[in-house]
Amino acid sequence: MLKKITFLVVFFAFFLLIAGCKKDVLPKPSSYLRLDYPEAEYIGFKGNCPFEFDVNSKAVVKEDAGCGYSITYPKMKATIYLTYKPVRNDVNKLLRDAQKLTYEHVIKADDILEQPFVNPDKKVYGMFYEVDGNAATNSQFYATDSIKHFVTGSVYFYAKPNFDSIMPAASYIKNDMQRLMETLKWK
C-alpha cells in the first residue's frame, strides 16, 4: 500500500510539474477604441450674416448673437465657434487679436503649424492654425477681405484636452474647418 501511495504522490507531483511548465504568460497590449466617422458630405449654408460657407451635413448650425455661428457635432461632443466682426479701419488690431488668441495655447501646445490661405477670386485671405498637444483647441483660423469682413473660427471639445484620445475626431473636424474656410464667400 505504501508503494501505491508513493507512486500516486510521485505521479501527481510529476503531473503538476509538467502541467506547470508552459511558456510565460504575456499580458496583451492595451487596445484603443477605433473611431470611424462617415465620409463628410458638405452642403452650402447661407444664414443672415454677410458670409456663407459649406458645412458638414452631419453638423448642427445655430446662429448666435452678433452674427456668429455654433456648428455642433453631437456625436463627437465638439463645437466650431465662428465669430464675425466688421472691419472698421482696424484690420491690424483684428489680426493681432486673432493671432494672440491662437498663441495663448502655446503653454499646453507641442507645436503650432500656420497655413496661410489666399483666395483672390473670392477676396478671402487668412491663416489656418493646427495646434498639436493637449491645448483647449486643436484648430483655429481667421479669414478676411481686409476691407469689410473678418471671421474667426475655433473648435472646442467637451472633454479634458488629451490629444491622443480626441485625435480622430479632431482630425475629422479640422478637415471640416478647412473646407469651411476654403468655401467662405462674402455676400
N, C-alpha and C. Protein backbone atom coordinates (compact mmCIF):
# COMPACT_ATOMS: atom_id res chain seq x y z
N MET A 1 0.82 -1.18 0.00
CA MET A 1 0.00 0.00 0.00
C MET A 1 0.87 1.25 0.00
N LEU A 2 1.94 1.24 0.74
CA LEU A 2 2.85 2.38 0.80
C LEU A 2 3.46 2.66 -0.57
N LYS A 3 3.74 1.57 -1.30
CA LYS A 3 4.28 1.73 -2.65
C LYS A 3 3.25 2.40 -3.56
N LYS A 4 1.96 2.04 -3.39
CA LYS A 4 0.90 2.63 -4.21
C LYS A 4 0.75 4.12 -3.91
N ILE A 5 0.79 4.49 -2.64
CA ILE A 5 0.65 5.90 -2.25
C ILE A 5 1.86 6.68 -2.74
N THR A 6 3.05 6.11 -2.58
CA THR A 6 4.26 6.78 -3.05
C THR A 6 4.19 6.98 -4.57
N PHE A 7 3.73 5.94 -5.27
CA PHE A 7 3.61 6.03 -6.72
C PHE A 7 2.62 7.14 -7.12
N LEU A 8 1.48 7.20 -6.42
CA LEU A 8 0.48 8.23 -6.73
C LEU A 8 1.00 9.64 -6.42
N VAL A 9 1.73 9.79 -5.32
CA VAL A 9 2.28 11.11 -4.96
C VAL A 9 3.31 11.54 -6.02
N VAL A 10 4.20 10.59 -6.39
CA VAL A 10 5.22 10.91 -7.40
C VAL A 10 4.53 11.21 -8.74
N PHE A 11 3.52 10.40 -9.11
CA PHE A 11 2.81 10.63 -10.37
C PHE A 11 2.11 12.00 -10.35
N PHE A 12 1.45 12.30 -9.24
CA PHE A 12 0.74 13.59 -9.12
C PHE A 12 1.73 14.75 -9.16
N ALA A 13 2.88 14.64 -8.47
CA ALA A 13 3.90 15.70 -8.48
C ALA A 13 4.46 15.87 -9.89
N PHE A 14 4.72 14.74 -10.57
CA PHE A 14 5.23 14.80 -11.95
C PHE A 14 4.19 15.47 -12.86
N PHE A 15 2.91 15.13 -12.68
CA PHE A 15 1.84 15.73 -13.48
C PHE A 15 1.77 17.24 -13.26
N LEU A 16 1.87 17.68 -12.01
CA LEU A 16 1.84 19.13 -11.71
C LEU A 16 3.06 19.83 -12.31
N LEU A 17 4.20 19.15 -12.24
CA LEU A 17 5.42 19.74 -12.80
C LEU A 17 5.28 19.94 -14.30
N ILE A 18 4.76 18.94 -14.98
CA ILE A 18 4.60 19.03 -16.44
C ILE A 18 3.51 20.05 -16.79
N ALA A 19 2.40 20.04 -16.08
CA ALA A 19 1.30 20.96 -16.37
C ALA A 19 1.71 22.41 -16.09
N GLY A 20 2.59 22.62 -15.14
CA GLY A 20 3.02 23.97 -14.79
C GLY A 20 4.12 24.50 -15.66
N CYS A 21 4.68 23.69 -16.53
CA CYS A 21 5.80 24.12 -17.37
C CYS A 21 5.31 24.58 -18.74
N LYS A 22 4.63 25.68 -18.76
CA LYS A 22 4.22 26.28 -20.03
C LYS A 22 5.03 27.54 -20.24
N LYS A 23 4.85 28.12 -21.41
CA LYS A 23 5.50 29.39 -21.68
C LYS A 23 4.96 30.44 -20.73
N ASP A 24 5.79 31.44 -20.45
CA ASP A 24 5.34 32.52 -19.58
C ASP A 24 4.16 33.25 -20.22
N VAL A 25 3.22 33.64 -19.40
CA VAL A 25 2.05 34.37 -19.87
C VAL A 25 2.46 35.83 -20.07
N LEU A 26 2.21 36.33 -21.25
CA LEU A 26 2.50 37.73 -21.55
C LEU A 26 1.20 38.52 -21.56
N PRO A 27 1.19 39.68 -20.93
CA PRO A 27 -0.03 40.48 -20.96
C PRO A 27 -0.30 41.00 -22.37
N LYS A 28 -1.54 41.09 -22.71
CA LYS A 28 -1.92 41.62 -24.02
C LYS A 28 -1.72 43.12 -24.02
N PRO A 29 -1.29 43.68 -25.15
CA PRO A 29 -1.13 45.14 -25.20
C PRO A 29 -2.48 45.83 -25.07
N SER A 30 -2.45 47.05 -24.57
CA SER A 30 -3.68 47.83 -24.42
C SER A 30 -4.29 48.05 -25.78
N SER A 31 -5.58 47.96 -25.84
CA SER A 31 -6.25 48.24 -27.11
C SER A 31 -6.85 49.64 -27.03
N TYR A 32 -7.06 50.21 -28.18
CA TYR A 32 -7.63 51.54 -28.25
C TYR A 32 -8.94 51.46 -29.01
N LEU A 33 -9.85 52.31 -28.62
CA LEU A 33 -11.14 52.39 -29.27
C LEU A 33 -10.95 52.90 -30.69
N ARG A 34 -11.47 52.18 -31.65
CA ARG A 34 -11.36 52.61 -33.03
C ARG A 34 -12.57 53.47 -33.36
N LEU A 35 -12.29 54.68 -33.78
CA LEU A 35 -13.36 55.61 -34.10
C LEU A 35 -13.37 55.86 -35.60
N ASP A 36 -14.39 55.39 -36.25
CA ASP A 36 -14.56 55.63 -37.68
C ASP A 36 -15.74 56.57 -37.85
N TYR A 37 -15.53 57.58 -38.65
CA TYR A 37 -16.58 58.55 -38.91
C TYR A 37 -17.00 58.45 -40.36
N PRO A 38 -18.25 58.74 -40.66
CA PRO A 38 -18.70 58.66 -42.05
C PRO A 38 -18.00 59.71 -42.90
N GLU A 39 -17.89 59.41 -44.17
CA GLU A 39 -17.28 60.38 -45.08
C GLU A 39 -18.13 61.65 -45.08
N ALA A 40 -17.46 62.77 -45.02
CA ALA A 40 -18.17 64.05 -44.91
C ALA A 40 -18.89 64.39 -46.22
N GLU A 41 -20.12 64.84 -46.07
CA GLU A 41 -20.90 65.37 -47.19
C GLU A 41 -21.19 66.82 -46.85
N TYR A 42 -20.87 67.73 -47.77
CA TYR A 42 -20.98 69.15 -47.49
C TYR A 42 -22.17 69.75 -48.22
N ILE A 43 -22.80 70.70 -47.53
CA ILE A 43 -23.91 71.45 -48.11
C ILE A 43 -23.62 72.94 -47.93
N GLY A 44 -24.13 73.74 -48.83
CA GLY A 44 -23.97 75.19 -48.71
C GLY A 44 -24.84 75.73 -47.59
N PHE A 45 -24.29 76.65 -46.81
CA PHE A 45 -25.05 77.27 -45.72
C PHE A 45 -25.09 78.77 -45.94
N LYS A 46 -26.30 79.33 -45.94
CA LYS A 46 -26.49 80.76 -46.08
C LYS A 46 -27.38 81.22 -44.94
N GLY A 47 -26.80 81.94 -44.02
CA GLY A 47 -27.56 82.47 -42.90
C GLY A 47 -27.84 83.94 -43.09
N ASN A 48 -28.06 84.64 -41.99
CA ASN A 48 -28.35 86.08 -42.04
C ASN A 48 -27.09 86.93 -42.00
N CYS A 49 -25.95 86.34 -41.78
CA CYS A 49 -24.69 87.09 -41.70
C CYS A 49 -24.15 87.38 -43.09
N PRO A 50 -23.20 88.32 -43.21
CA PRO A 50 -22.71 88.71 -44.54
C PRO A 50 -21.67 87.75 -45.13
N PHE A 51 -21.78 86.47 -44.82
CA PHE A 51 -20.90 85.47 -45.43
C PHE A 51 -21.63 84.14 -45.48
N GLU A 52 -21.17 83.27 -46.36
CA GLU A 52 -21.73 81.92 -46.49
C GLU A 52 -20.58 80.94 -46.65
N PHE A 53 -20.89 79.66 -46.44
CA PHE A 53 -19.83 78.65 -46.45
C PHE A 53 -20.45 77.27 -46.59
N ASP A 54 -19.62 76.26 -46.83
CA ASP A 54 -20.07 74.87 -46.84
C ASP A 54 -19.88 74.30 -45.45
N VAL A 55 -20.83 73.44 -45.06
CA VAL A 55 -20.79 72.82 -43.74
C VAL A 55 -21.10 71.33 -43.89
N ASN A 56 -20.57 70.53 -43.00
CA ASN A 56 -20.82 69.10 -42.99
C ASN A 56 -22.31 68.87 -42.72
N SER A 57 -22.91 67.98 -43.49
CA SER A 57 -24.35 67.72 -43.33
C SER A 57 -24.68 67.07 -41.99
N LYS A 58 -23.70 66.48 -41.31
CA LYS A 58 -23.91 65.85 -40.00
C LYS A 58 -23.86 66.86 -38.85
N ALA A 59 -23.42 68.07 -39.13
CA ALA A 59 -23.29 69.09 -38.09
C ALA A 59 -24.60 69.87 -37.95
N VAL A 60 -24.79 70.45 -36.77
CA VAL A 60 -25.97 71.27 -36.48
C VAL A 60 -25.50 72.71 -36.36
N VAL A 61 -26.03 73.60 -37.20
CA VAL A 61 -25.63 75.01 -37.22
C VAL A 61 -26.66 75.83 -36.48
N LYS A 62 -26.17 76.65 -35.54
CA LYS A 62 -27.05 77.53 -34.78
C LYS A 62 -26.48 78.95 -34.89
N GLU A 63 -27.34 79.89 -35.24
CA GLU A 63 -26.90 81.28 -35.33
C GLU A 63 -26.88 81.90 -33.95
N ASP A 64 -25.77 82.54 -33.63
CA ASP A 64 -25.61 83.20 -32.33
C ASP A 64 -25.79 84.70 -32.50
N ALA A 65 -25.87 85.40 -31.40
CA ALA A 65 -25.99 86.86 -31.43
C ALA A 65 -24.71 87.46 -32.01
N GLY A 66 -24.84 88.60 -32.64
CA GLY A 66 -23.68 89.30 -33.17
C GLY A 66 -23.12 88.68 -34.43
N CYS A 67 -23.93 87.94 -35.16
CA CYS A 67 -23.54 87.35 -36.43
C CYS A 67 -22.43 86.31 -36.28
N GLY A 68 -22.63 85.42 -35.37
CA GLY A 68 -21.72 84.29 -35.21
C GLY A 68 -22.50 83.00 -35.32
N TYR A 69 -21.79 81.90 -35.41
CA TYR A 69 -22.43 80.60 -35.52
C TYR A 69 -21.75 79.60 -34.59
N SER A 70 -22.56 78.66 -34.10
CA SER A 70 -22.06 77.49 -33.38
C SER A 70 -22.38 76.29 -34.24
N ILE A 71 -21.36 75.59 -34.68
CA ILE A 71 -21.53 74.40 -35.51
C ILE A 71 -21.20 73.21 -34.63
N THR A 72 -22.24 72.49 -34.23
CA THR A 72 -22.09 71.43 -33.24
C THR A 72 -22.04 70.05 -33.89
N TYR A 73 -21.17 69.22 -33.34
CA TYR A 73 -21.05 67.81 -33.73
C TYR A 73 -21.46 66.98 -32.51
N PRO A 74 -22.74 66.64 -32.38
CA PRO A 74 -23.21 65.98 -31.16
C PRO A 74 -22.52 64.66 -30.85
N LYS A 75 -22.25 63.83 -31.86
CA LYS A 75 -21.63 62.53 -31.61
C LYS A 75 -20.17 62.65 -31.19
N MET A 76 -19.53 63.75 -31.53
CA MET A 76 -18.12 63.95 -31.18
C MET A 76 -17.95 64.87 -29.98
N LYS A 77 -19.06 65.41 -29.49
CA LYS A 77 -19.03 66.34 -28.37
C LYS A 77 -18.06 67.50 -28.64
N ALA A 78 -18.26 68.14 -29.79
CA ALA A 78 -17.40 69.24 -30.20
C ALA A 78 -18.23 70.33 -30.88
N THR A 79 -17.71 71.54 -30.85
CA THR A 79 -18.36 72.67 -31.48
C THR A 79 -17.32 73.57 -32.14
N ILE A 80 -17.63 74.01 -33.36
CA ILE A 80 -16.84 75.04 -34.02
C ILE A 80 -17.56 76.36 -33.76
N TYR A 81 -16.85 77.32 -33.23
CA TYR A 81 -17.43 78.64 -32.98
C TYR A 81 -16.90 79.61 -34.03
N LEU A 82 -17.83 80.23 -34.76
CA LEU A 82 -17.48 81.25 -35.75
C LEU A 82 -17.90 82.61 -35.21
N THR A 83 -17.01 83.58 -35.33
CA THR A 83 -17.29 84.93 -34.87
C THR A 83 -17.05 85.89 -36.03
N TYR A 84 -17.99 86.76 -36.27
CA TYR A 84 -17.86 87.76 -37.33
C TYR A 84 -17.69 89.14 -36.72
N LYS A 85 -16.78 89.91 -37.29
CA LYS A 85 -16.61 91.31 -36.91
C LYS A 85 -16.44 92.14 -38.17
N PRO A 86 -17.17 93.24 -38.26
CA PRO A 86 -16.94 94.12 -39.41
C PRO A 86 -15.61 94.85 -39.26
N VAL A 87 -14.93 95.06 -40.36
CA VAL A 87 -13.67 95.80 -40.34
C VAL A 87 -14.00 97.28 -40.42
N ARG A 88 -13.50 98.05 -39.45
CA ARG A 88 -13.72 99.50 -39.41
C ARG A 88 -12.37 100.19 -39.28
N ASN A 89 -11.58 100.08 -40.33
CA ASN A 89 -10.21 100.62 -40.34
C ASN A 89 -9.37 100.07 -39.19
N ASP A 90 -9.68 98.85 -38.74
CA ASP A 90 -8.94 98.25 -37.63
C ASP A 90 -8.51 96.81 -37.93
N VAL A 91 -8.24 96.52 -39.21
CA VAL A 91 -7.89 95.16 -39.59
C VAL A 91 -6.62 94.69 -38.88
N ASN A 92 -5.66 95.57 -38.65
CA ASN A 92 -4.43 95.18 -37.95
C ASN A 92 -4.72 94.76 -36.51
N LYS A 93 -5.61 95.45 -35.84
CA LYS A 93 -5.99 95.08 -34.47
C LYS A 93 -6.70 93.73 -34.47
N LEU A 94 -7.61 93.51 -35.42
CA LEU A 94 -8.32 92.25 -35.52
C LEU A 94 -7.36 91.09 -35.79
N LEU A 95 -6.37 91.33 -36.64
CA LEU A 95 -5.36 90.30 -36.92
C LEU A 95 -4.54 89.97 -35.67
N ARG A 96 -4.12 91.01 -34.96
CA ARG A 96 -3.34 90.79 -33.72
C ARG A 96 -4.16 90.02 -32.69
N ASP A 97 -5.44 90.37 -32.54
CA ASP A 97 -6.30 89.67 -31.58
C ASP A 97 -6.47 88.19 -31.96
N ALA A 98 -6.65 87.90 -33.24
CA ALA A 98 -6.82 86.52 -33.69
C ALA A 98 -5.53 85.72 -33.47
N GLN A 99 -4.40 86.33 -33.76
CA GLN A 99 -3.12 85.64 -33.55
C GLN A 99 -2.84 85.45 -32.06
N LYS A 100 -3.17 86.45 -31.27
CA LYS A 100 -2.97 86.36 -29.82
C LYS A 100 -3.80 85.22 -29.24
N LEU A 101 -5.04 85.09 -29.69
CA LEU A 101 -5.92 84.03 -29.22
C LEU A 101 -5.30 82.65 -29.50
N THR A 102 -4.72 82.49 -30.67
CA THR A 102 -4.09 81.21 -31.02
C THR A 102 -2.87 80.96 -30.15
N TYR A 103 -2.03 81.95 -30.00
CA TYR A 103 -0.77 81.74 -29.29
C TYR A 103 -0.92 81.73 -27.77
N GLU A 104 -2.11 81.97 -27.25
CA GLU A 104 -2.36 81.77 -25.82
C GLU A 104 -2.31 80.29 -25.47
N HIS A 105 -2.44 79.41 -26.47
CA HIS A 105 -2.42 77.97 -26.25
C HIS A 105 -1.01 77.40 -26.28
N VAL A 106 0.00 78.25 -26.47
CA VAL A 106 1.37 77.77 -26.59
C VAL A 106 1.86 77.10 -25.30
N ILE A 107 1.26 77.42 -24.18
CA ILE A 107 1.66 76.82 -22.89
C ILE A 107 1.43 75.30 -22.92
N LYS A 108 0.28 74.87 -23.41
CA LYS A 108 -0.06 73.45 -23.46
C LYS A 108 0.27 72.80 -24.80
N ALA A 109 0.49 73.59 -25.83
CA ALA A 109 0.69 73.05 -27.17
C ALA A 109 2.12 72.53 -27.35
N ASP A 110 2.23 71.46 -28.14
CA ASP A 110 3.55 70.95 -28.50
C ASP A 110 4.09 71.71 -29.72
N ASP A 111 3.17 72.12 -30.60
CA ASP A 111 3.57 72.80 -31.82
C ASP A 111 2.34 73.53 -32.38
N ILE A 112 2.58 74.63 -33.05
CA ILE A 112 1.51 75.36 -33.74
C ILE A 112 1.95 75.53 -35.19
N LEU A 113 1.20 74.92 -36.09
CA LEU A 113 1.51 74.98 -37.51
C LEU A 113 0.62 76.02 -38.18
N GLU A 114 1.23 76.98 -38.85
CA GLU A 114 0.48 78.03 -39.55
C GLU A 114 0.40 77.67 -41.03
N GLN A 115 -0.81 77.76 -41.59
CA GLN A 115 -1.02 77.52 -43.01
C GLN A 115 -1.73 78.73 -43.61
N PRO A 116 -1.00 79.58 -44.35
CA PRO A 116 -1.64 80.75 -44.96
C PRO A 116 -2.70 80.31 -45.99
N PHE A 117 -3.72 81.12 -46.12
CA PHE A 117 -4.78 80.85 -47.09
C PHE A 117 -5.02 82.11 -47.91
N VAL A 118 -5.01 81.95 -49.23
CA VAL A 118 -5.24 83.07 -50.14
C VAL A 118 -6.17 82.61 -51.25
N ASN A 119 -7.31 83.30 -51.40
CA ASN A 119 -8.23 83.04 -52.49
C ASN A 119 -8.60 84.40 -53.09
N PRO A 120 -7.79 84.88 -54.04
CA PRO A 120 -8.03 86.22 -54.60
C PRO A 120 -9.34 86.33 -55.38
N ASP A 121 -9.83 85.22 -55.95
CA ASP A 121 -11.09 85.27 -56.69
C ASP A 121 -12.27 85.65 -55.80
N LYS A 122 -12.29 85.10 -54.58
CA LYS A 122 -13.37 85.40 -53.64
C LYS A 122 -12.97 86.48 -52.63
N LYS A 123 -11.75 86.98 -52.75
CA LYS A 123 -11.22 88.00 -51.83
C LYS A 123 -11.25 87.51 -50.38
N VAL A 124 -10.75 86.29 -50.18
CA VAL A 124 -10.65 85.70 -48.85
C VAL A 124 -9.18 85.42 -48.57
N TYR A 125 -8.70 86.02 -47.49
CA TYR A 125 -7.29 85.86 -47.09
C TYR A 125 -7.29 85.51 -45.60
N GLY A 126 -6.41 84.60 -45.23
CA GLY A 126 -6.41 84.24 -43.82
C GLY A 126 -5.29 83.30 -43.45
N MET A 127 -5.45 82.71 -42.27
CA MET A 127 -4.46 81.79 -41.73
C MET A 127 -5.21 80.66 -41.01
N PHE A 128 -4.75 79.43 -41.25
CA PHE A 128 -5.30 78.27 -40.57
C PHE A 128 -4.22 77.75 -39.62
N TYR A 129 -4.60 77.51 -38.37
CA TYR A 129 -3.66 77.06 -37.35
C TYR A 129 -4.02 75.64 -36.90
N GLU A 130 -3.02 74.76 -36.89
CA GLU A 130 -3.16 73.44 -36.27
C GLU A 130 -2.36 73.48 -34.98
N VAL A 131 -3.02 73.20 -33.88
CA VAL A 131 -2.38 73.24 -32.57
C VAL A 131 -2.23 71.79 -32.09
N ASP A 132 -0.99 71.30 -32.03
CA ASP A 132 -0.73 69.94 -31.57
C ASP A 132 -0.48 69.93 -30.08
N GLY A 133 -0.95 68.89 -29.43
CA GLY A 133 -0.75 68.76 -28.00
C GLY A 133 -2.06 68.85 -27.25
N ASN A 134 -1.97 68.98 -25.95
CA ASN A 134 -3.16 68.99 -25.08
C ASN A 134 -3.71 70.39 -24.86
N ALA A 135 -3.83 71.15 -25.92
CA ALA A 135 -4.39 72.50 -25.82
C ALA A 135 -5.92 72.43 -25.84
N ALA A 136 -6.55 73.50 -25.43
CA ALA A 136 -8.01 73.53 -25.37
C ALA A 136 -8.63 73.46 -26.76
N THR A 137 -7.95 73.98 -27.76
CA THR A 137 -8.44 73.93 -29.14
C THR A 137 -7.34 73.37 -30.02
N ASN A 138 -7.73 72.56 -31.02
CA ASN A 138 -6.75 71.94 -31.89
C ASN A 138 -6.69 72.59 -33.27
N SER A 139 -7.69 73.37 -33.61
CA SER A 139 -7.73 74.04 -34.91
C SER A 139 -8.38 75.41 -34.75
N GLN A 140 -7.78 76.39 -35.42
CA GLN A 140 -8.34 77.75 -35.43
C GLN A 140 -8.03 78.37 -36.78
N PHE A 141 -8.80 79.38 -37.13
CA PHE A 141 -8.49 80.13 -38.34
C PHE A 141 -9.06 81.54 -38.24
N TYR A 142 -8.55 82.39 -39.11
CA TYR A 142 -9.19 83.67 -39.34
C TYR A 142 -9.21 83.90 -40.84
N ALA A 143 -10.20 84.65 -41.31
CA ALA A 143 -10.33 84.99 -42.72
C ALA A 143 -10.87 86.39 -42.82
N THR A 144 -10.41 87.11 -43.84
CA THR A 144 -10.83 88.50 -44.02
C THR A 144 -10.74 88.88 -45.49
N ASP A 145 -11.42 89.96 -45.84
CA ASP A 145 -11.21 90.58 -47.15
C ASP A 145 -10.38 91.85 -47.00
N SER A 146 -9.99 92.15 -45.77
CA SER A 146 -9.16 93.30 -45.38
C SER A 146 -9.87 94.64 -45.47
N ILE A 147 -11.13 94.66 -45.93
CA ILE A 147 -11.84 95.93 -46.11
C ILE A 147 -13.11 95.99 -45.26
N LYS A 148 -13.94 94.94 -45.33
CA LYS A 148 -15.23 94.97 -44.65
C LYS A 148 -15.45 93.84 -43.65
N HIS A 149 -14.90 92.66 -43.92
CA HIS A 149 -15.29 91.46 -43.18
C HIS A 149 -14.10 90.80 -42.49
N PHE A 150 -14.38 90.22 -41.30
CA PHE A 150 -13.36 89.47 -40.56
C PHE A 150 -14.06 88.35 -39.80
N VAL A 151 -13.65 87.09 -40.03
CA VAL A 151 -14.26 85.93 -39.39
C VAL A 151 -13.17 85.12 -38.70
N THR A 152 -13.44 84.69 -37.47
CA THR A 152 -12.55 83.76 -36.78
C THR A 152 -13.32 82.48 -36.48
N GLY A 153 -12.60 81.38 -36.41
CA GLY A 153 -13.21 80.10 -36.09
C GLY A 153 -12.28 79.27 -35.23
N SER A 154 -12.87 78.56 -34.28
CA SER A 154 -12.08 77.66 -33.43
C SER A 154 -12.97 76.50 -32.99
N VAL A 155 -12.34 75.36 -32.75
CA VAL A 155 -13.07 74.17 -32.34
C VAL A 155 -12.73 73.86 -30.89
N TYR A 156 -13.75 73.47 -30.14
CA TYR A 156 -13.59 73.07 -28.75
C TYR A 156 -14.32 71.76 -28.52
N PHE A 157 -13.69 70.87 -27.75
CA PHE A 157 -14.29 69.59 -27.38
C PHE A 157 -14.79 69.69 -25.95
N TYR A 158 -15.87 68.98 -25.66
CA TYR A 158 -16.42 68.97 -24.30
C TYR A 158 -15.79 67.83 -23.51
N ALA A 159 -14.48 67.88 -23.40
CA ALA A 159 -13.72 66.86 -22.68
C ALA A 159 -12.41 67.48 -22.26
N LYS A 160 -11.77 66.87 -21.26
CA LYS A 160 -10.45 67.32 -20.84
C LYS A 160 -9.50 67.14 -22.02
N PRO A 161 -8.70 68.16 -22.34
CA PRO A 161 -7.82 68.04 -23.50
C PRO A 161 -6.81 66.90 -23.33
N ASN A 162 -6.95 65.88 -24.14
CA ASN A 162 -6.00 64.78 -24.22
C ASN A 162 -5.92 64.44 -25.70
N PHE A 163 -4.91 64.98 -26.37
CA PHE A 163 -4.87 64.92 -27.82
C PHE A 163 -4.91 63.49 -28.35
N ASP A 164 -4.27 62.55 -27.67
CA ASP A 164 -4.29 61.17 -28.14
C ASP A 164 -5.69 60.61 -28.20
N SER A 165 -6.52 60.98 -27.25
CA SER A 165 -7.89 60.45 -27.19
C SER A 165 -8.80 61.06 -28.25
N ILE A 166 -8.66 62.35 -28.48
CA ILE A 166 -9.58 63.03 -29.40
C ILE A 166 -9.01 63.19 -30.81
N MET A 167 -7.81 62.64 -31.06
CA MET A 167 -7.16 62.85 -32.34
C MET A 167 -8.03 62.48 -33.55
N PRO A 168 -8.72 61.32 -33.57
CA PRO A 168 -9.56 61.03 -34.75
C PRO A 168 -10.65 62.08 -34.98
N ALA A 169 -11.32 62.48 -33.91
CA ALA A 169 -12.38 63.48 -34.04
C ALA A 169 -11.79 64.84 -34.40
N ALA A 170 -10.65 65.19 -33.80
CA ALA A 170 -10.01 66.47 -34.10
C ALA A 170 -9.58 66.54 -35.56
N SER A 171 -9.09 65.45 -36.09
CA SER A 171 -8.68 65.40 -37.48
C SER A 171 -9.88 65.55 -38.42
N TYR A 172 -10.97 64.88 -38.08
CA TYR A 172 -12.19 64.96 -38.88
C TYR A 172 -12.72 66.39 -38.92
N ILE A 173 -12.79 67.02 -37.75
CA ILE A 173 -13.33 68.38 -37.68
C ILE A 173 -12.35 69.38 -38.29
N LYS A 174 -11.05 69.14 -38.18
CA LYS A 174 -10.06 70.01 -38.81
C LYS A 174 -10.30 70.06 -40.32
N ASN A 175 -10.59 68.91 -40.92
CA ASN A 175 -10.89 68.88 -42.35
C ASN A 175 -12.15 69.68 -42.67
N ASP A 176 -13.15 69.60 -41.80
CA ASP A 176 -14.37 70.39 -41.99
C ASP A 176 -14.08 71.88 -41.89
N MET A 177 -13.22 72.26 -40.94
CA MET A 177 -12.88 73.69 -40.78
C MET A 177 -12.12 74.20 -42.00
N GLN A 178 -11.23 73.38 -42.53
CA GLN A 178 -10.50 73.80 -43.72
C GLN A 178 -11.46 73.97 -44.90
N ARG A 179 -12.41 73.05 -45.02
CA ARG A 179 -13.40 73.16 -46.09
C ARG A 179 -14.24 74.43 -45.91
N LEU A 180 -14.63 74.71 -44.68
CA LEU A 180 -15.39 75.91 -44.38
C LEU A 180 -14.62 77.15 -44.82
N MET A 181 -13.35 77.19 -44.47
CA MET A 181 -12.52 78.36 -44.82
C MET A 181 -12.33 78.46 -46.33
N GLU A 182 -12.14 77.33 -47.00
CA GLU A 182 -11.92 77.33 -48.44
C GLU A 182 -13.16 77.73 -49.23
N THR A 183 -14.35 77.51 -48.66
CA THR A 183 -15.60 77.82 -49.37
C THR A 183 -16.24 79.13 -48.89
N LEU A 184 -15.58 79.83 -47.99
CA LEU A 184 -16.11 81.07 -47.45
C LEU A 184 -16.28 82.10 -48.56
N LYS A 185 -17.48 82.70 -48.61
CA LYS A 185 -17.77 83.77 -49.59
C LYS A 185 -18.43 84.92 -48.87
N TRP A 186 -18.08 86.11 -49.27
CA TRP A 186 -18.70 87.31 -48.71
C TRP A 186 -19.93 87.63 -49.52
N LYS A 187 -20.98 88.13 -48.84
CA LYS A 187 -22.23 88.49 -49.53
C LYS A 187 -22.16 89.94 -49.98
